[in-house]
Protein backbone atom coordinates (compact mmCIF):
# COMPACT_ATOMS: atom_id res chain seq x y z
CA UNK A 1 23.04 -10.98 2.62
CA UNK A 2 21.21 -14.18 3.53
CA UNK A 3 20.94 -15.07 -0.16
CA UNK A 4 24.69 -14.52 -0.64
CA UNK A 5 25.54 -16.69 2.35
CA UNK A 6 23.24 -19.44 1.09
CA UNK A 7 24.80 -19.29 -2.40
CA UNK A 8 28.39 -19.47 -1.12
CA UNK A 9 27.51 -22.31 1.21
CA UNK A 10 25.72 -24.17 -1.59
CA UNK A 11 28.64 -23.81 -4.03
CA UNK A 12 31.23 -24.84 -1.45
CA UNK A 13 29.14 -27.85 -0.54
CA UNK A 14 28.81 -28.78 -4.21
CA UNK A 15 32.61 -28.65 -4.72
CA UNK A 16 33.23 -30.74 -1.61
CA UNK A 17 30.62 -33.35 -2.50
CA UNK A 18 31.99 -33.72 -6.03
CA UNK A 19 35.54 -34.20 -4.73
CA UNK A 20 34.32 -36.73 -2.18
CA UNK A 21 32.51 -38.62 -4.94
CA UNK A 22 35.66 -38.74 -7.09
CA UNK A 23 37.65 -39.87 -4.09
CA UNK A 24 35.25 -42.77 -3.44
CA UNK A 25 35.16 -43.74 -7.14
CA UNK A 26 38.95 -43.67 -7.28
CA UNK A 27 39.23 -45.84 -4.16
CA UNK A 28 36.57 -48.28 -5.39
CA UNK A 29 38.28 -48.64 -8.81
CA UNK A 30 41.65 -49.12 -7.12
CA UNK A 31 40.22 -51.78 -4.78
CA UNK A 32 39.01 -53.80 -7.78
CA UNK A 33 41.67 -53.14 -10.43
CA UNK A 34 44.82 -53.42 -8.30
CA UNK A 35 44.44 -57.10 -7.39
CA UNK A 36 42.76 -57.91 -10.73
CA UNK A 37 45.63 -56.47 -12.81
CA UNK A 38 48.15 -58.08 -10.48
CA UNK A 39 46.49 -61.47 -10.97
CA UNK A 40 46.45 -61.03 -14.76
CA UNK A 41 50.08 -60.00 -14.73
CA UNK A 42 51.04 -63.02 -12.65
CA UNK A 43 49.30 -65.26 -15.18
CA UNK A 44 50.89 -63.79 -18.29
CA UNK A 45 54.31 -62.71 -16.98
CA UNK A 46 57.34 -64.64 -18.05
CA UNK A 47 58.91 -64.13 -14.62
CA UNK A 48 56.10 -63.47 -12.12
CA UNK A 49 56.93 -61.59 -8.92
CA UNK A 50 55.07 -62.67 -5.78
CA UNK A 51 56.26 -59.51 -4.10
CA UNK A 52 54.34 -57.39 -6.63
CA UNK A 53 51.14 -59.33 -5.90
CA UNK A 54 51.56 -58.75 -2.16
CA UNK A 55 52.16 -55.04 -2.79
CA UNK A 56 49.00 -54.83 -4.87
CA UNK A 57 47.02 -56.60 -2.17
CA UNK A 58 48.37 -54.13 0.42
CA UNK A 59 47.43 -51.14 -1.73
CA UNK A 60 43.99 -52.59 -2.38
CA UNK A 61 43.42 -53.06 1.37
CA UNK A 62 44.56 -49.49 2.02
CA UNK A 63 42.09 -48.15 -0.55
CA UNK A 64 39.31 -50.26 0.94
CA UNK A 65 40.01 -48.87 4.43
CA UNK A 66 40.03 -45.29 3.13
CA UNK A 67 36.78 -45.89 1.20
CA UNK A 68 35.09 -47.24 4.34
CA UNK A 69 36.34 -44.37 6.51
CA UNK A 70 35.02 -41.82 3.99
CA UNK A 71 31.49 -43.02 4.78
CA UNK A 72 32.06 -43.15 8.54
CA UNK A 73 33.57 -39.69 8.98
CA UNK A 74 32.52 -37.37 6.13
CA UNK A 75 33.43 -34.14 7.95
CA UNK A 76 37.13 -35.05 8.28
CA UNK A 77 37.35 -36.33 4.72
CA UNK A 78 35.59 -33.26 3.31
CA UNK A 79 38.09 -31.04 5.09
CA UNK A 80 41.20 -32.90 3.83
CA UNK A 81 39.73 -34.32 0.62
CA UNK A 82 41.91 -32.65 -1.98
CA UNK A 83 45.16 -33.45 -0.17
CA UNK A 84 44.23 -37.12 0.30
CA UNK A 85 43.10 -37.45 -3.30
CA UNK A 86 46.34 -36.23 -4.88
CA UNK A 87 48.44 -38.07 -2.30
CA UNK A 88 46.80 -41.35 -3.39
CA UNK A 89 47.26 -40.47 -7.04
CA UNK A 90 50.98 -39.89 -6.49
CA UNK A 91 51.11 -43.18 -4.56
CA UNK A 92 49.63 -45.04 -7.51
CA UNK A 93 52.00 -43.23 -9.85
CA UNK A 94 55.05 -44.18 -7.76
CA UNK A 95 53.94 -47.79 -7.59
CA UNK A 96 53.47 -47.81 -11.35
CA UNK A 97 56.96 -46.40 -11.76
CA UNK A 98 58.26 -49.18 -9.52
CA UNK A 99 56.57 -51.79 -11.73
CA UNK A 100 57.98 -50.16 -14.84
CA UNK A 101 61.47 -50.27 -13.38
CA UNK A 102 61.12 -54.01 -12.82
CA UNK A 103 60.27 -54.56 -16.48
CA UNK A 104 62.63 -51.88 -17.82
CA UNK A 105 59.95 -50.15 -19.86
CA UNK A 106 62.26 -47.23 -20.48
CA UNK A 107 62.25 -46.17 -16.83
CA UNK A 108 63.65 -42.69 -17.45
CA UNK A 109 60.73 -41.80 -19.69
CA UNK A 110 58.27 -43.35 -17.25
CA UNK A 111 59.39 -41.19 -14.32
CA UNK A 112 59.15 -37.97 -16.26
CA UNK A 113 55.87 -38.84 -18.08
CA UNK A 114 53.95 -39.86 -14.94
CA UNK A 115 55.14 -36.82 -13.05
CA UNK A 116 54.14 -34.55 -15.94
CA UNK A 117 50.67 -36.19 -16.08
CA UNK A 118 49.90 -35.45 -12.44
CA UNK A 119 51.52 -32.01 -12.30
CA UNK A 120 49.95 -30.87 -15.55
CA UNK A 121 46.40 -31.88 -14.67
CA UNK A 122 46.72 -30.12 -11.33
CA UNK A 123 48.26 -26.94 -12.75
CA UNK A 124 46.29 -26.13 -15.90
CA UNK A 125 43.17 -23.98 -15.47
CA UNK A 126 41.67 -24.37 -18.93
CA UNK A 127 39.67 -27.38 -20.13
CA UNK A 128 40.79 -27.14 -23.74
CA UNK A 129 44.45 -26.96 -22.72
CA UNK A 130 43.93 -30.00 -20.47
CA UNK A 131 42.48 -32.05 -23.33
CA UNK A 132 45.33 -31.17 -25.72
CA UNK A 133 47.84 -31.74 -22.96
CA UNK A 134 46.55 -35.24 -22.13
CA UNK A 135 46.41 -36.26 -25.81
CA UNK A 136 50.04 -35.17 -26.11
CA UNK A 137 51.00 -37.28 -23.06
CA UNK A 138 49.19 -40.32 -24.51
CA UNK A 139 51.18 -39.89 -27.72
CA UNK A 140 54.44 -39.87 -25.76
CA UNK A 141 53.39 -42.98 -23.83
CA UNK A 142 52.56 -44.77 -27.06
CA UNK A 143 55.92 -43.81 -28.48
CA UNK A 144 57.82 -45.19 -25.48
CA UNK A 145 55.85 -48.43 -25.63
CA UNK A 146 56.49 -48.78 -29.32
CA UNK A 147 60.25 -48.54 -28.77
CA UNK A 148 60.37 -51.15 -25.99
CA UNK A 149 60.96 -54.85 -26.51
CA UNK A 150 58.53 -55.95 -23.82
CA UNK A 151 55.65 -58.35 -24.39
CA UNK A 152 52.56 -56.91 -26.05
CA UNK A 153 50.35 -57.70 -23.07
CA UNK A 154 52.76 -55.88 -20.76
CA UNK A 155 52.71 -52.85 -23.00
CA UNK A 156 48.92 -52.89 -22.96
CA UNK A 157 48.73 -53.07 -19.15
CA UNK A 158 51.29 -50.30 -18.82
CA UNK A 159 49.31 -48.15 -21.27
CA UNK A 160 45.99 -48.83 -19.46
CA UNK A 161 47.42 -47.97 -16.03
CA UNK A 162 49.02 -44.72 -17.17
CA UNK A 163 45.93 -43.79 -19.20
CA UNK A 164 43.64 -44.36 -16.18
CA UNK A 165 45.90 -42.23 -13.98
CA UNK A 166 45.75 -39.41 -16.51
CA UNK A 167 41.99 -39.78 -17.01
CA UNK A 168 41.15 -39.69 -13.29
CA UNK A 169 43.50 -36.76 -12.76
CA UNK A 170 41.93 -34.93 -15.71
CA UNK A 171 38.34 -35.60 -14.60
CA UNK A 172 39.08 -34.46 -11.07
CA UNK A 173 40.85 -31.28 -12.17
CA UNK A 174 38.36 -30.39 -14.90
CA UNK A 175 35.39 -31.00 -12.57
CA UNK A 176 36.92 -28.79 -9.92
CA UNK A 177 37.76 -26.20 -12.58
CA UNK A 178 34.11 -26.18 -13.80
CA UNK A 179 32.78 -25.70 -10.30
CA UNK A 180 35.34 -23.01 -9.53
CA UNK A 181 34.38 -21.11 -12.68
CA UNK A 182 30.71 -21.40 -11.80
CA UNK A 183 31.44 -20.24 -8.30
CA UNK A 184 33.53 -17.35 -9.62
CA UNK A 185 30.74 -16.37 -12.03
CA UNK A 186 28.14 -16.41 -9.25
CA UNK A 187 30.53 -14.59 -6.95
CA UNK A 188 31.03 -11.87 -9.57
CA UNK A 189 27.27 -11.54 -9.96
CA UNK A 190 26.82 -11.17 -6.23
CA UNK A 191 29.67 -8.69 -6.02
CA UNK A 192 28.12 -6.70 -8.87
CA UNK A 193 24.81 -6.67 -7.02
CA UNK A 194 26.47 -5.72 -3.75
CA UNK A 195 28.33 -2.88 -5.43
CA UNK A 196 25.15 -1.48 -6.97
CA UNK A 197 22.88 -1.35 -3.92
CA UNK A 198 22.47 1.61 -1.60
CA UNK A 199 23.02 -0.44 1.56
CA UNK A 200 26.54 -0.64 2.95
CA UNK A 201 27.78 -4.23 3.31
CA UNK A 202 30.97 -5.49 4.90
CA UNK A 203 32.22 -8.32 7.06
CA UNK A 204 34.51 -8.47 10.09
CA UNK A 205 37.35 -10.95 10.47
CA UNK A 206 37.58 -10.10 14.14
CA UNK A 207 36.53 -7.30 16.48
CA UNK A 208 38.89 -4.76 14.89
CA UNK A 209 39.66 -6.02 11.37
CA UNK A 210 37.58 -5.38 8.27
CA UNK A 211 37.21 -8.01 5.55
CA UNK A 212 35.61 -7.33 2.17
CA UNK A 213 33.41 -4.24 1.73
CA UNK A 214 31.01 -3.19 -1.03
CA UNK A 215 31.16 0.02 -3.08
CA UNK A 216 28.53 1.81 -0.98
CA UNK A 217 30.69 1.38 2.13
CA UNK A 218 33.78 2.63 0.28
CA UNK A 219 31.92 5.66 -1.10
CA UNK A 220 30.61 6.51 2.36
CA UNK A 221 34.08 6.63 3.95
CA UNK A 222 35.67 8.12 0.80
CA UNK A 223 38.28 5.40 0.24
CA UNK A 224 38.91 2.76 -2.41
CA UNK A 225 37.75 -0.75 -1.52
CA UNK A 226 41.27 -2.13 -1.81
CA UNK A 227 42.47 0.48 0.70
CA UNK A 228 39.83 -0.55 3.26
CA UNK A 229 39.80 -4.33 3.04
CA UNK A 230 41.87 -6.17 5.67
CA UNK A 231 42.53 -2.88 7.50
CA UNK A 232 42.01 -2.04 11.16
CA UNK A 233 38.82 -0.07 11.89
CA UNK A 234 40.89 2.66 13.59
CA UNK A 235 42.42 3.55 10.22
CA UNK A 236 39.03 3.93 8.52
CA UNK A 237 36.89 5.60 11.20
CA UNK A 238 37.39 8.48 13.60
CA UNK A 239 38.57 7.51 17.07
CA UNK A 240 35.21 7.86 18.85
CA UNK A 241 33.33 6.11 16.04
CA UNK A 242 35.91 3.31 15.91
CA UNK A 243 35.72 2.74 19.68
CA UNK A 244 31.93 2.57 19.54
CA UNK A 245 32.12 0.18 16.58
CA UNK A 246 34.65 -2.09 18.31
CA UNK A 247 32.51 -2.22 21.45
CA UNK A 248 29.47 -3.44 19.50
CA UNK A 249 31.70 -5.88 17.54
CA UNK A 250 32.99 -7.37 20.76
CA UNK A 251 29.44 -7.87 21.93
CA UNK A 252 28.56 -9.77 18.71
CA UNK A 253 31.66 -11.98 18.87
CA UNK A 254 31.12 -12.69 22.59
CA UNK A 255 27.34 -13.22 22.57
CA UNK A 256 27.31 -14.94 19.12
CA UNK A 257 23.96 -13.27 18.51
CA UNK A 258 22.61 -10.79 15.98
CA UNK A 259 22.84 -7.11 16.97
CA UNK A 260 20.84 -4.19 15.52
CA UNK A 261 21.55 -0.57 16.41
CA UNK A 262 21.34 2.99 15.16
CA UNK A 263 24.12 5.56 15.25
CA UNK A 264 25.29 8.87 13.80
CA UNK A 265 28.38 8.46 11.60
CA UNK A 266 30.33 11.05 9.61
CA UNK A 267 30.61 10.42 5.87
CA UNK A 268 33.32 11.44 3.39
CA UNK A 269 31.75 14.90 2.92
CA UNK A 270 31.81 15.59 6.66
CA UNK A 271 28.03 15.16 7.06
CA UNK A 272 26.62 13.32 10.03
CA UNK A 273 24.30 10.53 8.80
CA UNK A 274 22.06 8.26 10.85
CA UNK A 275 22.71 4.58 10.01
CA UNK A 276 20.57 1.56 10.83
CA UNK A 277 23.23 -1.14 11.36
CA UNK A 278 22.75 -4.91 11.59
CA UNK A 279 25.56 -7.32 12.56
CA UNK A 280 25.03 -11.07 12.09
CA UNK A 281 27.65 -13.63 13.29
CA UNK A 282 28.50 -16.65 11.11
CA UNK A 283 29.31 -19.65 13.30
CA UNK A 284 31.56 -22.55 12.26
CA UNK A 285 31.00 -26.25 12.99
CA UNK A 286 32.47 -25.86 16.47
CA UNK A 287 29.98 -23.06 17.30
CA UNK A 288 32.65 -20.34 17.24
CA UNK A 289 32.27 -17.05 15.37
CA UNK A 290 34.02 -17.39 12.02
CA UNK A 291 33.16 -13.88 10.78
CA UNK A 292 30.44 -11.24 11.18
CA UNK A 293 28.39 -9.91 8.26
CA UNK A 294 27.31 -6.29 8.64
CA UNK A 295 24.80 -4.13 6.75
CA UNK A 296 23.95 -0.44 7.19
CA UNK A 297 21.12 1.65 5.75
CA UNK A 298 21.17 5.44 5.70
CA UNK A 299 17.92 6.44 7.45
CA UNK A 300 18.71 10.13 7.91
CA UNK A 301 15.99 11.30 5.53
CA UNK A 302 13.59 8.76 7.00
CA UNK A 303 14.35 10.14 10.47
CA UNK A 304 13.72 13.69 9.26
CA UNK A 305 10.47 12.59 7.67
CA UNK A 306 9.40 10.86 10.86
CA UNK A 307 10.20 14.00 12.85
CA UNK A 308 8.21 16.12 10.38
CA UNK A 309 5.33 13.65 10.61
CA UNK A 310 5.50 13.72 14.39
CA UNK A 311 5.43 17.52 14.39
CA UNK A 312 2.62 17.44 11.86
CA UNK A 313 0.72 14.97 14.03
CA UNK A 314 1.14 17.26 17.03
CA UNK A 315 -0.07 20.22 14.99
CA UNK A 316 -2.98 18.18 13.71
CA UNK A 317 -3.85 17.09 17.23
CA UNK A 318 -3.74 20.69 18.35
CA UNK A 319 -5.81 21.79 15.34
CA UNK A 320 -8.31 18.97 15.90
CA UNK A 321 -8.64 20.01 19.52
CA UNK A 322 -9.28 23.59 18.46
CA UNK A 323 -11.65 22.36 15.76
CA UNK A 324 -13.56 20.26 18.28
CA UNK A 325 -13.90 23.27 20.53
CA UNK A 326 -15.00 25.43 17.62
CA UNK A 327 -17.42 22.74 16.43
CA UNK A 328 -18.86 22.44 19.92
CA UNK A 329 -19.37 26.21 20.07
CA UNK A 330 -20.85 26.24 16.56
CA UNK A 331 -23.18 23.34 17.35
CA UNK A 332 -24.30 25.18 20.44
CA UNK A 333 -25.03 28.29 18.39
CA UNK A 334 -26.80 26.21 15.72
CA UNK A 335 -28.90 24.54 18.41
CA UNK A 336 -29.78 27.96 19.79
CA UNK A 337 -30.66 29.13 16.25
CA UNK A 338 -32.76 25.98 15.69
CA UNK A 339 -34.65 26.58 18.89
CA UNK A 340 -35.11 30.21 17.88
CA UNK A 341 -36.31 29.13 14.43
CA UNK A 342 -38.82 26.72 15.95
CA UNK A 343 -39.98 29.37 18.39
CA UNK A 344 -40.78 31.67 15.48
CA UNK A 345 -42.86 28.99 13.79
CA UNK A 346 -46.52 29.40 14.79
CA UNK A 347 -47.38 27.27 17.81
CA UNK A 348 -51.08 27.55 16.93
CA UNK A 349 -53.30 29.00 14.25
CA UNK A 350 -55.83 31.86 14.53
CA UNK A 351 -59.23 30.71 15.82
CA UNK A 352 -61.52 31.74 12.98
CA UNK A 353 -64.98 30.29 12.65
CA UNK A 354 -65.40 28.28 9.47
CA UNK A 355 -61.65 27.84 8.89
CA UNK A 356 -59.36 25.00 9.89
CA UNK A 357 -55.60 24.80 9.48
CA UNK A 358 -52.76 22.26 9.47
CA UNK A 359 -49.02 22.50 8.76
CA UNK A 360 -46.09 20.12 8.39
CA UNK A 361 -42.45 21.15 8.62
CA UNK A 362 -39.43 18.74 8.28
CA UNK A 363 -35.95 20.24 7.79
CA UNK A 364 -33.38 18.37 5.69
CA UNK A 365 -30.62 19.32 8.16
CA UNK A 366 -30.37 20.34 11.78
CA UNK A 367 -31.30 23.88 10.83
CA UNK A 368 -33.70 24.38 7.94
CA UNK A 369 -34.30 27.09 5.37
CA UNK A 370 -38.15 26.99 5.22
CA UNK A 371 -40.62 29.05 7.19
CA UNK A 372 -44.36 29.70 7.30
CA UNK A 373 -46.83 31.78 9.30
CA UNK A 374 -50.54 32.62 9.49
CA UNK A 375 -51.48 36.07 10.83
CA UNK A 376 -54.95 37.58 11.44
CA UNK A 377 -55.11 41.37 11.23
CA UNK A 378 -58.60 42.77 11.69
CA UNK A 379 -60.70 41.23 8.88
CA UNK A 380 -57.66 40.05 6.93
CA UNK A 381 -55.84 36.72 7.12
CA UNK A 382 -52.24 36.76 5.91
CA UNK A 383 -50.77 33.37 4.98
CA UNK A 384 -47.23 32.92 3.66
CA UNK A 385 -44.61 30.23 3.09
CA UNK A 386 -40.88 30.94 2.59
CA UNK A 387 -38.03 28.92 1.03
CA UNK A 388 -34.47 30.26 1.49
CA UNK A 389 -31.63 29.10 -0.75
CA UNK A 390 -29.40 26.92 1.38
CA UNK A 391 -29.88 25.66 4.90
CA UNK A 392 -28.23 26.17 8.21
CA UNK A 393 -27.67 29.33 10.17
CA UNK A 394 -27.91 31.71 7.20
CA UNK A 395 -31.25 30.26 6.11
CA UNK A 396 -32.67 30.50 9.64
CA UNK A 397 -31.54 34.11 9.99
CA UNK A 398 -33.09 35.10 6.64
CA UNK A 399 -36.39 33.50 7.66
CA UNK A 400 -36.37 35.57 10.83
CA UNK A 401 -35.60 38.60 8.67
CA UNK A 402 -38.66 37.90 6.50
CA UNK A 403 -40.89 37.38 9.54
CA UNK A 404 -39.73 40.60 11.17
CA UNK A 405 -40.07 42.54 7.89
CA UNK A 406 -43.72 41.44 7.51
CA UNK A 407 -44.47 42.25 11.16
CA UNK A 408 -42.86 45.70 10.75
CA UNK A 409 -44.94 46.32 7.63
CA UNK A 410 -48.16 45.49 9.49
CA UNK A 411 -47.24 47.67 12.45
CA UNK A 412 -46.21 50.67 10.39
CA UNK A 413 -49.15 50.58 7.97
CA UNK A 414 -52.17 50.27 10.27
CA UNK A 415 -54.12 52.91 8.34
CA UNK A 416 -53.65 51.07 5.05
CA UNK A 417 -54.65 47.60 6.30
CA UNK A 418 -57.92 47.88 4.40
CA UNK A 419 -55.98 47.90 1.16
CA UNK A 420 -53.24 45.48 2.22
CA UNK A 421 -52.02 43.31 -0.63
CA UNK A 422 -49.34 40.69 -1.28
CA UNK A 423 -47.57 42.98 -3.77
CA UNK A 424 -47.09 45.76 -1.22
CA UNK A 425 -45.72 43.36 1.38
CA UNK A 426 -43.29 41.74 -1.10
CA UNK A 427 -42.15 45.21 -2.25
CA UNK A 428 -41.48 46.17 1.37
CA UNK A 429 -39.48 42.98 2.00
CA UNK A 430 -37.40 43.55 -1.15
CA UNK A 431 -36.67 47.18 -0.18
CA UNK A 432 -35.48 46.18 3.28
CA UNK A 433 -33.46 43.29 1.82
CA UNK A 434 -31.54 45.68 -0.45
CA UNK A 435 -30.86 48.02 2.47
CA UNK A 436 -29.20 45.21 4.42
CA UNK A 437 -26.64 44.46 1.65
CA UNK A 438 -26.99 40.69 1.82
CA UNK A 439 -24.58 38.65 -0.37
CA UNK A 440 -25.62 38.24 -4.02
CA UNK A 441 -25.88 34.44 -3.73
CA UNK A 442 -28.72 34.73 -1.17
CA UNK A 443 -32.26 34.24 -2.50
CA UNK A 444 -35.65 34.45 -0.79
CA UNK A 445 -38.62 32.68 -2.36
CA UNK A 446 -41.97 33.58 -0.83
CA UNK A 447 -45.58 32.78 -1.67
CA UNK A 448 -47.92 35.14 0.17
CA UNK A 449 -51.69 35.25 0.25
CA UNK A 450 -54.17 37.71 1.79
CA UNK A 451 -57.69 36.41 2.55
CA UNK A 452 -60.57 38.87 3.09
CA UNK A 453 -62.66 37.22 5.82
CA UNK A 454 -65.78 39.16 4.75
CA UNK A 455 -65.74 38.65 1.00
CA UNK A 456 -63.63 35.42 1.04
CA UNK A 457 -61.48 36.74 -1.74
CA UNK A 458 -57.98 35.24 -1.63
CA UNK A 459 -55.24 37.33 -3.33
CA UNK A 460 -51.79 35.78 -3.96
CA UNK A 461 -48.36 37.14 -4.81
CA UNK A 462 -45.38 34.94 -5.66
CA UNK A 463 -41.68 35.82 -5.51
CA UNK A 464 -39.84 32.80 -6.88
CA UNK A 465 -41.63 29.83 -5.32
CA UNK A 466 -41.80 26.99 -7.85
CA UNK A 467 -45.03 25.23 -6.81
CA UNK A 468 -48.16 27.39 -7.24
CA UNK A 469 -51.01 27.27 -4.70
CA UNK A 470 -53.33 24.30 -5.22
CA UNK A 471 -57.09 24.82 -4.66
CA UNK A 472 -59.56 21.92 -4.59
CA UNK A 473 -63.32 21.83 -4.05
CA UNK A 474 -66.26 19.68 -5.06
CA UNK A 475 -67.49 22.01 -7.78
CA UNK A 476 -64.26 22.76 -9.67
CA UNK A 477 -62.01 19.88 -8.65
CA UNK A 478 -58.30 20.76 -8.54
CA UNK A 479 -57.24 24.26 -9.63
CA UNK A 480 -53.58 25.32 -9.66
CA UNK A 481 -53.49 29.10 -9.13
CA UNK A 482 -51.20 30.56 -11.78
CA UNK A 483 -49.02 33.00 -9.92
CA UNK A 484 -45.37 33.60 -10.82
CA UNK A 485 -42.55 35.99 -9.96
CA UNK A 486 -38.81 36.37 -9.46
CA UNK A 487 -37.11 35.55 -6.14
CA UNK A 488 -35.95 38.36 -3.85
CA UNK A 489 -32.21 38.98 -4.38
CA UNK A 490 -29.76 41.85 -4.55
CA UNK A 491 -28.95 40.99 -8.17
CA UNK A 492 -32.55 41.54 -9.36
CA UNK A 493 -33.44 44.91 -10.91
CA UNK A 494 -35.34 47.03 -8.37
CA UNK A 495 -37.82 48.11 -11.05
CA UNK A 496 -39.18 44.55 -11.13
CA UNK A 497 -40.17 44.73 -7.46
CA UNK A 498 -42.35 47.82 -7.40
CA UNK A 499 -45.97 47.49 -6.35
CA UNK A 500 -47.10 48.22 -9.90
CA UNK A 501 -44.84 45.60 -11.55
CA UNK A 502 -45.54 42.69 -9.19
CA UNK A 503 -48.19 40.24 -10.38
CA UNK A 504 -51.15 39.26 -8.19
CA UNK A 505 -53.76 36.55 -8.66
CA UNK A 506 -57.13 36.39 -6.84
CA UNK A 507 -59.66 33.59 -6.33
CA UNK A 508 -62.88 33.10 -4.39
CA UNK A 509 -62.39 30.80 -1.43
CA UNK A 510 -65.70 28.94 -1.49
CA UNK A 511 -67.34 26.82 1.16
CA UNK A 512 -65.80 23.32 1.28
CA UNK A 513 -62.63 24.39 -0.55
CA UNK A 514 -59.14 23.40 0.59
CA UNK A 515 -55.96 25.34 -0.23
CA UNK A 516 -52.46 23.76 -0.21
CA UNK A 517 -49.17 25.66 -0.14
CA UNK A 518 -45.84 23.77 -0.33
CA UNK A 519 -42.16 24.43 -0.95
CA UNK A 520 -40.36 22.47 -3.69
CA UNK A 521 -38.59 20.06 -1.31
CA UNK A 522 -41.51 17.64 -1.53
CA UNK A 523 -41.97 17.46 -5.31
CA UNK A 524 -38.22 17.47 -6.14
CA UNK A 525 -37.32 14.45 -3.98
CA UNK A 526 -35.82 11.73 -6.22
CA UNK A 527 -35.28 8.03 -5.45
CA UNK A 528 -33.58 5.67 -7.96
CA UNK A 529 -34.22 8.08 -10.81
CA UNK A 530 -37.92 8.52 -9.95
CA UNK A 531 -39.04 11.99 -8.79
CA UNK A 532 -42.03 12.49 -6.50
CA UNK A 533 -43.22 15.28 -8.78
CA UNK A 534 -46.00 17.82 -8.90
CA UNK A 535 -48.50 15.50 -10.62
CA UNK A 536 -48.26 12.89 -7.86
CA UNK A 537 -48.91 15.57 -5.24
CA UNK A 538 -51.93 16.82 -7.20
CA UNK A 539 -53.37 13.28 -7.36
CA UNK A 540 -53.06 12.58 -3.65
CA UNK A 541 -54.40 16.05 -2.79
CA UNK A 542 -57.40 15.64 -5.09
CA UNK A 543 -58.19 12.25 -3.50
CA UNK A 544 -58.01 13.62 0.05
CA UNK A 545 -58.91 17.36 -0.09
CA UNK A 546 -62.27 16.78 1.63
CA UNK A 547 -60.58 15.22 4.68
CA UNK A 548 -59.55 17.23 7.68
CA UNK A 549 -56.31 19.18 7.00
CA UNK A 550 -54.23 17.03 9.39
CA UNK A 551 -55.56 13.88 7.66
CA UNK A 552 -54.58 15.31 4.28
CA UNK A 553 -51.01 15.80 5.54
CA UNK A 554 -50.96 12.21 6.83
CA UNK A 555 -52.08 10.96 3.39
CA UNK A 556 -49.34 12.96 1.65
CA UNK A 557 -46.67 11.73 4.10
CA UNK A 558 -47.77 8.10 3.69
CA UNK A 559 -47.55 8.41 -0.08
CA UNK A 560 -44.13 10.11 0.14
CA UNK A 561 -42.79 7.41 2.48
CA UNK A 562 -44.09 4.69 0.14
CA UNK A 563 -41.85 6.07 -2.61
CA UNK A 564 -38.75 7.04 -0.61
CA UNK A 565 -38.91 4.62 2.31
CA UNK A 566 -38.48 7.49 4.78
CA UNK A 567 -39.86 10.92 5.65
CA UNK A 568 -36.29 12.30 5.55
CA UNK A 569 -35.68 14.22 2.32
CA UNK A 570 -32.74 15.92 0.66
CA UNK A 571 -34.42 19.34 0.99
CA UNK A 572 -36.70 20.96 3.56
CA UNK A 573 -40.34 19.97 3.26
CA UNK A 574 -43.05 22.46 4.33
CA UNK A 575 -46.79 22.08 3.74
CA UNK A 576 -49.53 24.48 4.87
CA UNK A 577 -53.25 23.69 4.49
CA UNK A 578 -56.29 25.94 5.04
CA UNK A 579 -59.82 24.63 4.66
CA UNK A 580 -63.14 26.45 4.72
CA UNK A 581 -66.25 24.89 6.26
CA UNK A 582 -64.67 21.44 6.78
CA UNK A 583 -65.70 19.03 9.49
CA UNK A 584 -62.49 18.44 11.44
CA UNK A 585 -63.73 15.08 12.67
CA UNK A 586 -63.65 13.50 9.23
């Protein structure tokens, strides 16, 4: 609406300024030509008339006064410009007729021709018709002059005066016609735009009377535009709606300020729609309200959406509150499970002469999926390390399951401890696992070794752990112990987990030897496309195997941190070291 107001104001101003310019040009020409032509006529006339010269001087002075006043008070002249302009033109025409009557230049023709010139140029609304019309008038003037017996110079002056009157009249009318057409064209464009927008647009002549309305407004009330325009609001709206509308209109007209409000209004289909209405007063030069431009947008669907969003926000807030409570409870349970998991990790190692131990455990998350333990049973030492698929509560619970299964095996098989082996323990764990009906996507990877403390024979069994045990001593260097097997899972064939089918590997744990067990979290850590890898672990272990076990772990951690920049990994990291005959002070 602001753009439309600006356009109308601009076009009206352009028309007024053009008319004012023509008025000033006309006055300026008259100021110069009137006395000049009078002087020429006095020189060449056979019988000069002093009265005519005085009349010309009076007219010239009048035009000069009007020209001066047009600069001093533009507002008044702009308001009455067209009337003054044509009044002056008729004055010039009448004076010309008076002069013609004095010289008897066929006075009857002169009256009619001059009147037709002025009336025609004012009346015609087509440029081409105006041009043809004025050429026709010039032809008539020429004909009348040809038939007179006046002096040639008199005929010429007569022709020039009449021609100038016609030319000025034509230029004024055609200029106004051009501007009016342009204004009409722009007005039609704006009306087309107004009639093709969703917003309702109308203006008020006063508190109760509608002016023009756009098509959206007409469609909303179910009437034709012509039936609405210039009608009282009471005829278009229901009584209560009309009263409310008039009240807000009165406020706009009285306060002379913009008003914005929302209200429910019934449309042509009988539906109540929520409208966002804006009313803007247009003030005249005296500061009074000339008219009020109104716009209305249907925000019913927007209101419904906002209500749905508000309800959704409330539900989300309620859900978030419940989620926070649930998360707090879950975190509490996870913390309890973490503490339980840490409690099950060995706080110390068995005190066995000639053996020293060290372990490192760092979970990737709050609750890890790795576990290890070292158990001495009579003359046997049982060492195992476990890696559960996944982390969190499930992984911690499965680790506890493994620990309790091994403890149950040792308690229930006291008579067979002499012949205890990794294969029998793994078979027992698998059997219990299948009895519990764990989900198929659970996997337990375990590397278990049994060391005979009399013969120093170390027997290993592997169920799915990727990294084999690494043994290093001065005589043989680094020896990976080839020991493979499938992970414990409900989807694995039970025949593969019998004592007879499980593979075992034995070595002699010599004096000065160091054994390293680790889950795959260490070797699979990757930074910027570079993986820590099994070979890097072997190199650092070979360089440091003769150090005390805790020093070996420090060396591995330093090397890992050099690559990754942190000891935090994407997977759990668990390392267990056992060393025979080492000096712990090294």
